[in-house]
PDB file of N, CA and C in Angstrom:
ATOM      1  N   UNK A   1      96.699 124.519  97.364  1.00  0.00           N
ATOM      2  CA  UNK A   1      95.947 123.374  96.842  1.00  0.00           C
ATOM      3  C   UNK A   1      96.209 122.293  97.773  1.00  0.00           C
ATOM      4  N   UNK A   2      95.081 121.619  98.062  1.00  0.00           N
ATOM      5  CA  UNK A   2      95.247 120.498  98.978  1.00  0.00           C
ATOM      6  C   UNK A   2      95.735 119.204  98.229  1.00  0.00           C
ATOM      7  N   UNK A   3      96.329 118.353  99.026  1.00  0.00           N
ATOM      8  CA  UNK A   3      96.983 117.066  98.332  1.00  0.00           C
ATOM      9  C   UNK A   3      95.884 116.284  97.618  1.00  0.00           C
ATOM     10  N   UNK A   4      94.611 116.314  98.080  1.00  0.00           N
ATOM     11  CA  UNK A   4      93.566 115.534  97.403  1.00  0.00           C
ATOM     12  C   UNK A   4      93.395 116.285  95.928  1.00  0.00           C
ATOM     13  N   UNK A   5      93.203 117.606  95.880  1.00  0.00           N
ATOM     14  CA  UNK A   5      93.061 118.145  94.591  1.00  0.00           C
ATOM     15  C   UNK A   5      94.237 117.878  93.697  1.00  0.00           C
ATOM     16  N   UNK A   6      95.540 117.969  94.329  1.00  0.00           N
ATOM     17  CA  UNK A   6      96.770 117.755  93.567  1.00  0.00           C
ATOM     18  C   UNK A   6      96.631 116.427  92.910  1.00  0.00           C
ATOM     19  N   UNK A   7      96.143 115.290  93.716  1.00  0.00           N
ATOM     20  CA  UNK A   7      96.093 114.028  93.256  1.00  0.00           C
ATOM     21  C   UNK A   7      95.155 113.797  92.133  1.00  0.00           C
ATOM     22  N   UNK A   8      94.024 114.485  92.254  1.00  0.00           N
ATOM     23  CA  UNK A   8      92.957 114.480  91.313  1.00  0.00           C
ATOM     24  C   UNK A   8      93.481 115.070  89.844  1.00  0.00           C
ATOM     25  N   UNK A   9      94.177 116.306  89.996  1.00  0.00           N
ATOM     26  CA  UNK A   9      94.728 117.016  88.938  1.00  0.00           C
ATOM     27  C   UNK A   9      95.792 116.038  88.163  1.00  0.00           C
ATOM     28  N   UNK A  10      96.647 115.533  88.976  1.00  0.00           N
ATOM     29  CA  UNK A  10      97.739 114.645  88.383  1.00  0.00           C
ATOM     30  C   UNK A  10      97.105 113.486  87.609  1.00  0.00           C
ATOM     31  N   UNK A  11      96.116 112.875  88.319  1.00  0.00           N
ATOM     32  CA  UNK A  11      95.397 111.685  87.596  1.00  0.00           C
ATOM     33  C   UNK A  11      94.754 112.209  86.299  1.00  0.00           C
ATOM     34  N   UNK A  12      94.183 113.380  86.367  1.00  0.00           N
ATOM     35  CA  UNK A  12      93.471 113.867  85.221  1.00  0.00           C
ATOM     36  C   UNK A  12      94.488 114.180  84.112  1.00  0.00           C
ATOM     37  N   UNK A  13      95.656 114.638  84.483  1.00  0.00           N
ATOM     38  CA  UNK A  13      96.716 114.924  83.519  1.00  0.00           C
ATOM     39  C   UNK A  13      97.182 113.672  82.779  1.00  0.00           C
ATOM     40  N   UNK A  14      97.298 112.549  83.520  1.00  0.00           N
ATOM     41  CA  UNK A  14      97.860 111.332  82.988  1.00  0.00           C
ATOM     42  C   UNK A  14      96.684 110.665  82.043  1.00  0.00           C
ATOM     43  N   UNK A  15      95.474 110.699  82.596  1.00  0.00           N
ATOM     44  CA  UNK A  15      94.405 110.084  81.971  1.00  0.00           C
ATOM     45  C   UNK A  15      94.170 110.760  80.559  1.00  0.00           C
ATOM     46  N   UNK A  16      94.160 112.111  80.570  1.00  0.00           N
ATOM     47  CA  UNK A  16      93.929 112.919  79.256  1.00  0.00           C
ATOM     48  C   UNK A  16      95.100 112.736  78.339  1.00  0.00           C
ATOM     49  N   UNK A  17      96.328 112.550  78.866  1.00  0.00           N
ATOM     50  CA  UNK A  17      97.395 112.290  77.942  1.00  0.00           C
ATOM     51  C   UNK A  17      97.294 110.901  77.293  1.00  0.00           C
ATOM     52  N   UNK A  18      96.945 109.919  78.136  1.00  0.00           N
ATOM     53  CA  UNK A  18      96.766 108.602  77.434  1.00  0.00           C
ATOM     54  C   UNK A  18      95.649 108.607  76.518  1.00  0.00           C
ATOM     55  N   UNK A  19      94.509 109.244  76.830  1.00  0.00           N
ATOM     56  CA  UNK A  19      93.445 109.155  75.858  1.00  0.00           C
ATOM     57  C   UNK A  19      93.775 110.054  74.634  1.00  0.00           C
ATOM     58  N   UNK A  20      94.577 111.090  74.731  1.00  0.00           N
ATOM     59  CA  UNK A  20      94.904 111.867  73.580  1.00  0.00           C
ATOM     60  C   UNK A  20      95.913 111.020  72.628  1.00  0.00           C
ATOM     61  N   UNK A  21      96.866 110.289  73.200  1.00  0.00           N
ATOM     62  CA  UNK A  21      97.756 109.506  72.419  1.00  0.00           C
ATOM     63  C   UNK A  21      97.029 108.361  71.924  1.00  0.00           C
ATOM     64  N   UNK A  22      96.110 107.739  72.536  1.00  0.00           N
ATOM     65  CA  UNK A  22      95.220 106.569  71.971  1.00  0.00           C
ATOM     66  C   UNK A  22      94.413 107.201  70.726  1.00  0.00           C
ATOM     67  N   UNK A  23      93.911 108.261  70.926  1.00  0.00           N
ATOM     68  CA  UNK A  23      93.121 108.996  69.708  1.00  0.00           C
ATOM     69  C   UNK A  23      94.137 109.200  68.623  1.00  0.00           C
ATOM     70  N   UNK A  24      95.297 109.666  68.913  1.00  0.00           N
ATOM     71  CA  UNK A  24      96.230 110.033  67.860  1.00  0.00           C
ATOM     72  C   UNK A  24      96.605 108.841  67.058  1.00  0.00           C
ATOM     73  N   UNK A  25      96.950 107.677  67.747  1.00  0.00           N
ATOM     74  CA  UNK A  25      97.388 106.509  66.971  1.00  0.00           C
ATOM     75  C   UNK A  25      96.184 105.482  66.551  1.00  0.00           C
ATOM     76  N   UNK A  26      94.867 105.954  66.747  1.00  0.00           N
ATOM     77  CA  UNK A  26      93.843 105.086  66.313  1.00  0.00           C
ATOM     78  C   UNK A  26      93.041 105.864  65.307  1.00  0.00           C
ATOM     79  N   UNK A  27      91.929 106.258  65.788  1.00  0.00           N
ATOM     80  CA  UNK A  27      90.985 106.997  64.959  1.00  0.00           C
ATOM     81  C   UNK A  27      91.237 108.444  64.542  1.00  0.00           C
ATOM     82  N   UNK A  28      92.063 109.198  65.419  1.00  0.00           N
ATOM     83  CA  UNK A  28      92.397 110.407  65.242  1.00  0.00           C
ATOM     84  C   UNK A  28      91.208 111.457  64.942  1.00  0.00           C
ATOM     85  N   UNK A  29      90.344 111.348  65.824  1.00  0.00           N
ATOM     86  CA  UNK A  29      89.018 112.265  65.745  1.00  0.00           C
ATOM     87  C   UNK A  29      89.378 113.602  66.114  1.00  0.00           C
ATOM     88  N   UNK A  30      89.271 114.558  65.370  1.00  0.00           N
ATOM     89  CA  UNK A  30      89.686 116.016  65.703  1.00  0.00           C
ATOM     90  C   UNK A  30      88.916 116.406  66.943  1.00  0.00           C
ATOM     91  N   UNK A  31      87.683 116.214  67.073  1.00  0.00           N
ATOM     92  CA  UNK A  31      86.784 116.530  68.202  1.00  0.00           C
ATOM     93  C   UNK A  31      87.328 116.050  69.544  1.00  0.00           C
ATOM     94  N   UNK A  32      87.771 114.953  69.533  1.00  0.00           N
ATOM     95  CA  UNK A  32      88.330 114.404  70.831  1.00  0.00           C
ATOM     96  C   UNK A  32      89.610 115.154  71.060  1.00  0.00           C
ATOM     97  N   UNK A  33      90.340 115.360  70.137  1.00  0.00           N
ATOM     98  CA  UNK A  33      91.642 116.185  70.356  1.00  0.00           C
ATOM     99  C   UNK A  33      91.222 117.549  70.890  1.00  0.00           C
ATOM    100  N   UNK A  34      90.319 118.173  70.271  1.00  0.00           N
ATOM    101  CA  UNK A  34      89.969 119.563  70.698  1.00  0.00           C
ATOM    102  C   UNK A  34      89.313 119.527  72.080  1.00  0.00           C
ATOM    103  N   UNK A  35      88.855 118.523  72.600  1.00  0.00           N
ATOM    104  CA  UNK A  35      88.275 118.415  73.928  1.00  0.00           C
ATOM    105  C   UNK A  35      89.305 118.076  74.959  1.00  0.00           C
ATOM    106  N   UNK A  36      90.111 117.053  74.574  1.00  0.00           N
ATOM    107  CA  UNK A  36      91.198 116.644  75.537  1.00  0.00           C
ATOM    108  C   UNK A  36      92.432 117.552  75.617  1.00  0.00           C
ATOM    109  N   UNK A  37      92.741 118.201  74.538  1.00  0.00           N
ATOM    110  CA  UNK A  37      93.854 118.973  74.631  1.00  0.00           C
ATOM    111  C   UNK A  37      93.925 120.183  75.638  1.00  0.00           C
ATOM    112  N   UNK A  38      92.755 120.904  75.679  1.00  0.00           N
ATOM    113  CA  UNK A  38      92.676 121.926  76.704  1.00  0.00           C
ATOM    114  C   UNK A  38      92.529 121.370  78.046  1.00  0.00           C
ATOM    115  N   UNK A  39      91.801 120.250  78.253  1.00  0.00           N
ATOM    116  CA  UNK A  39      91.521 119.587  79.439  1.00  0.00           C
ATOM    117  C   UNK A  39      92.934 119.149  80.074  1.00  0.00           C
ATOM    118  N   UNK A  40      93.736 118.678  79.224  1.00  0.00           N
ATOM    119  CA  UNK A  40      95.157 118.149  79.687  1.00  0.00           C
ATOM    120  C   UNK A  40      95.989 119.335  79.974  1.00  0.00           C
ATOM    121  N   UNK A  41      95.968 120.372  79.254  1.00  0.00           N
ATOM    122  CA  UNK A  41      96.610 121.655  79.536  1.00  0.00           C
ATOM    123  C   UNK A  41      96.259 122.232  80.970  1.00  0.00           C
ATOM    124  N   UNK A  42      94.975 122.224  81.133  1.00  0.00           N
ATOM    125  CA  UNK A  42      94.563 122.772  82.471  1.00  0.00           C
ATOM    126  C   UNK A  42      94.947 121.964  83.613  1.00  0.00           C
ATOM    127  N   UNK A  43      94.840 120.627  83.371  1.00  0.00           N
ATOM    128  CA  UNK A  43      95.291 119.695  84.517  1.00  0.00           C
ATOM    129  C   UNK A  43      96.948 119.799  84.745  1.00  0.00           C
ATOM    130  N   UNK A  44      97.510 119.963  83.686  1.00  0.00           N
ATOM    131  CA  UNK A  44      98.958 120.202  83.747  1.00  0.00           C
ATOM    132  C   UNK A  44      99.281 121.442  84.463  1.00  0.00           C
ATOM    133  N   UNK A  45      98.585 122.560  84.235  1.00  0.00           N
ATOM    134  CA  UNK A  45      98.817 123.806  84.879  1.00  0.00           C
ATOM    135  C   UNK A  45      98.456 123.680  86.373  1.00  0.00           C
ATOM    136  N   UNK A  46      97.306 123.042  86.609  1.00  0.00           N
ATOM    137  CA  UNK A  46      96.950 122.882  88.037  1.00  0.00           C
ATOM    138  C   UNK A  46      97.886 122.094  88.815  1.00  0.00           C
ATOM    139  N   UNK A  47      98.602 121.000  88.215  1.00  0.00           N
ATOM    140  CA  UNK A  47      99.637 120.299  88.892  1.00  0.00           C
ATOM    141  C   UNK A  47     100.756 121.198  89.229  1.00  0.00           C
ATOM    142  N   UNK A  48     101.193 121.914  88.194  1.00  0.00           N
ATOM    143  CA  UNK A  48     102.415 122.742  88.443  1.00  0.00           C
ATOM    144  C   UNK A  48     102.262 123.729  89.430  1.00  0.00           C
ATOM    145  N   UNK A  49     101.140 124.595  89.205  1.00  0.00           N
ATOM    146  CA  UNK A  49     100.809 125.687  90.127  1.00  0.00           C
ATOM    147  C   UNK A  49     100.564 125.163  91.660  1.00  0.00           C
ATOM    148  N   UNK A  50      99.784 124.133  91.716  1.00  0.00           N
ATOM    149  CA  UNK A  50      99.460 123.503  93.032  1.00  0.00           C
ATOM    150  C   UNK A  50     100.714 123.010  93.670  1.00  0.00           C
ATOM    151  N   UNK A  51     101.671 122.448  92.845  1.00  0.00           N
ATOM    152  CA  UNK A  51     102.918 121.903  93.466  1.00  0.00           C
ATOM    153  C   UNK A  51     103.682 123.062  93.954  1.00  0.00           C
ATOM    154  N   UNK A  52     103.916 124.030  93.081  1.00  0.00           N
ATOM    155  CA  UNK A  52     104.765 125.220  93.482  1.00  0.00           C
ATOM    156  C   UNK A  52     104.168 125.876  94.796  1.00  0.00           C
ATOM    157  N   UNK A  53     102.862 125.877  94.907  1.00  0.00           N
ATOM    158  CA  UNK A  53     102.259 126.615  96.144  1.00  0.00           C
ATOM    159  C   UNK A  53     102.135 125.669  97.313  1.00  0.00           C
ATOM    160  N   UNK A  54     102.329 124.335  97.207  1.00  0.00           N
ATOM    161  CA  UNK A  54     102.147 123.516  98.326  1.00  0.00           C
ATOM    162  C   UNK A  54     103.248 123.581  99.311  1.00  0.00           C
ATOM    163  N   UNK A  55     102.907 123.786 100.545  1.00  0.00           N
ATOM    164  CA  UNK A  55     104.004 123.939 101.633  1.00  0.00           C
ATOM    165  C   UNK A  55     104.818 122.758 101.885  1.00  0.00           C
ATOM    166  N   UNK A  56     104.425 121.560 101.347  1.00  0.00           N
ATOM    167  CA  UNK A  56     105.249 120.425 101.606  1.00  0.00           C
ATOM    168  C   UNK A  56     106.045 119.982 100.507  1.00  0.00           C
ATOM    169  N   UNK A  57     106.222 120.976  99.411  1.00  0.00           N
ATOM    170  CA  UNK A  57     106.915 120.534  98.222  1.00  0.00           C
ATOM    171  C   UNK A  57     108.371 121.296  98.273  1.00  0.00           C
ATOM    172  N   UNK A  58     109.336 120.393  98.183  1.00  0.00           N
ATOM    173  CA  UNK A  58     110.726 120.977  98.177  1.00  0.00           C
ATOM    174  C   UNK A  58     111.192 121.187  96.698  1.00  0.00           C
ATOM    175  N   UNK A  59     112.372 121.597  96.493  1.00  0.00           N
ATOM    176  CA  UNK A  59     112.844 121.920  95.281  1.00  0.00           C
ATOM    177  C   UNK A  59     112.647 120.774  94.226  1.00  0.00           C
ATOM    178  N   UNK A  60     113.100 119.622  94.565  1.00  0.00           N
ATOM    179  CA  UNK A  60     113.077 118.391  93.667  1.00  0.00           C
ATOM    180  C   UNK A  60     111.608 118.164  93.387  1.00  0.00           C
ATOM    181  N   UNK A  61     110.811 118.260  94.216  1.00  0.00           N
ATOM    182  CA  UNK A  61     109.274 118.000  94.000  1.00  0.00           C
ATOM    183  C   UNK A  61     108.794 118.979  93.028  1.00  0.00           C
ATOM    184  N   UNK A  62     109.125 120.193  93.212  1.00  0.00           N
ATOM    185  CA  UNK A  62     108.666 121.233  92.203  1.00  0.00           C
ATOM    186  C   UNK A  62     109.188 120.880  90.836  1.00  0.00           C
ATOM    187  N   UNK A  63     110.413 120.501  90.741  1.00  0.00           N
ATOM    188  CA  UNK A  63     110.933 120.083  89.376  1.00  0.00           C
ATOM    189  C   UNK A  63     110.267 118.841  88.816  1.00  0.00           C
ATOM    190  N   UNK A  64     109.916 117.848  89.649  1.00  0.00           N
ATOM    191  CA  UNK A  64     109.234 116.707  89.159  1.00  0.00           C
ATOM    192  C   UNK A  64     107.784 117.146  88.572  1.00  0.00           C
ATOM    193  N   UNK A  65     107.182 118.199  89.174  1.00  0.00           N
ATOM    194  CA  UNK A  65     105.812 118.613  88.731  1.00  0.00           C
ATOM    195  C   UNK A  65     105.869 119.234  87.362  1.00  0.00           C
ATOM    196  N   UNK A  66     107.030 119.736  86.896  1.00  0.00           N
ATOM    197  CA  UNK A  66     107.100 120.386  85.650  1.00  0.00           C
ATOM    198  C   UNK A  66     107.322 119.413  84.457  1.00  0.00           C
ATOM    199  N   UNK A  67     107.643 118.139  84.850  1.00  0.00           N
ATOM    200  CA  UNK A  67     107.727 117.005  83.871  1.00  0.00           C
ATOM    201  C   UNK A  67     106.320 116.825  83.284  1.00  0.00           C
ATOM    202  N   UNK A  68     106.044 116.888  82.113  1.00  0.00           N
ATOM    203  CA  UNK A  68     104.739 116.527  81.609  1.00  0.00           C
ATOM    204  C   UNK A  68     104.364 114.991  81.540  1.00  0.00           C
ATOM    205  N   UNK A  69     103.288 114.819  81.831  1.00  0.00           N
ATOM    206  CA  UNK A  69     102.827 113.338  81.758  1.00  0.00           C
ATOM    207  C   UNK A  69     102.813 112.766  83.260  1.00  0.00           C
ATOM    208  N   UNK A  70     103.941 112.044  83.623  1.00  0.00           N
ATOM    209  CA  UNK A  70     103.932 111.436  84.881  1.00  0.00           C
ATOM    210  C   UNK A  70     104.436 112.321  86.041  1.00  0.00           C
ATOM    211  N   UNK A  71     104.996 113.442  85.611  1.00  0.00           N
ATOM    212  CA  UNK A  71     105.613 114.286  86.729  1.00  0.00           C
ATOM    213  C   UNK A  71     104.713 114.661  87.865  1.00  0.00           C
ATOM    214  N   UNK A  72     103.440 114.976  87.459  1.00  0.00           N
ATOM    215  CA  UNK A  72     102.487 115.273  88.611  1.00  0.00           C
ATOM    216  C   UNK A  72     102.229 114.152  89.525  1.00  0.00           C
ATOM    217  N   UNK A  73     102.169 112.883  89.014  1.00  0.00           N
ATOM    218  CA  UNK A  73     101.926 111.798  89.968  1.00  0.00           C
ATOM    219  C   UNK A  73     103.160 111.608  90.895  1.00  0.00           C
ATOM    220  N   UNK A  74     104.286 111.726  90.230  1.00  0.00           N
ATOM    221  CA  UNK A  74     105.560 111.597  91.074  1.00  0.00           C
ATOM    222  C   UNK A  74     105.592 112.649  92.140  1.00  0.00           C
ATOM    223  N   UNK A  75     105.334 113.927  91.737  1.00  0.00           N
ATOM    224  CA  UNK A  75     105.384 114.968  92.669  1.00  0.00           C
ATOM    225  C   UNK A  75     104.298 114.794  93.748  1.00  0.00           C
ATOM    226  N   UNK A  76     103.211 114.326  93.446  1.00  0.00           N
ATOM    227  CA  UNK A  76     102.126 114.160  94.461  1.00  0.00           C
ATOM    228  C   UNK A  76     102.566 113.122  95.445  1.00  0.00           C
ATOM    229  N   UNK A  77     103.151 111.887  94.862  1.00  0.00           N
ATOM    230  CA  UNK A  77     103.535 110.829  95.690  1.00  0.00           C
ATOM    231  C   UNK A  77     104.678 111.278  96.694  1.00  0.00           C
ATOM    232  N   UNK A  78     105.579 112.064  96.104  1.00  0.00           N
ATOM    233  CA  UNK A  78     106.650 112.588  96.951  1.00  0.00           C
ATOM    234  C   UNK A  78     106.151 113.509  98.101  1.00  0.00           C
ATOM    235  N   UNK A  79     105.182 114.402  97.801  1.00  0.00           N
ATOM    236  CA  UNK A  79     104.478 115.108  98.761  1.00  0.00           C
ATOM    237  C   UNK A  79     103.904 114.245  99.912  1.00  0.00           C
ATOM    238  N   UNK A  80     103.056 113.332  99.520  1.00  0.00           N
ATOM    239  CA  UNK A  80     102.456 112.447 100.416  1.00  0.00           C
ATOM    240  C   UNK A  80     103.493 111.732 101.273  1.00  0.00           C
ATOM    241  N   UNK A  81     104.580 111.183 100.673  1.00  0.00           N
ATOM    242  CA  UNK A  81     105.588 110.376 101.422  1.00  0.00           C
ATOM    243  C   UNK A  81     106.362 111.325 102.457  1.00  0.00           C
ATOM    244  N   UNK A  82     106.602 112.614 102.038  1.00  0.00           N
ATOM    245  CA  UNK A  82     107.337 113.499 102.912  1.00  0.00           C
ATOM    246  C   UNK A  82     106.357 113.822 104.034  1.00  0.00           C
ATOM    247  N   UNK A  83     105.081 113.987 103.817  1.00  0.00           N
ATOM    248  CA  UNK A  83     104.223 114.430 104.791  1.00  0.00           C
ATOM    249  C   UNK A  83     103.962 113.283 105.864  1.00  0.00           C
ATOM    250  N   UNK A  84     104.081 111.971 105.340  1.00  0.00           N
ATOM    251  CA  UNK A  84     103.819 110.865 106.252  1.00  0.00           C
ATOM    252  C   UNK A  84     105.081 110.549 107.158  1.00  0.00           C
ATOM    253  N   UNK A  85     106.195 111.022 106.724  1.00  0.00           N
ATOM    254  CA  UNK A  85     107.409 110.732 107.438  1.00  0.00           C
ATOM    255  C   UNK A  85     108.006 111.917 108.043  1.00  0.00           C
TER     256      UNK A  85
END
């Protein structure tokens, strides 16, 4: 997975998580949950698998990717930083 796709998947993971939590604490519309839940799950799996397969990911980066929510963003940033230096 390219860094660009990893960045998109990590952003999608965070955005869908925020939207799911907002829905949970406000209107709690079941249709929104049934749409966002699988989307969030797919984005999370893409982040984890993409990070595990990325040639620039070390052990710490791979552990970061497993963290739900912000872990994908942290992993992507770490890969980009390590690639730049």
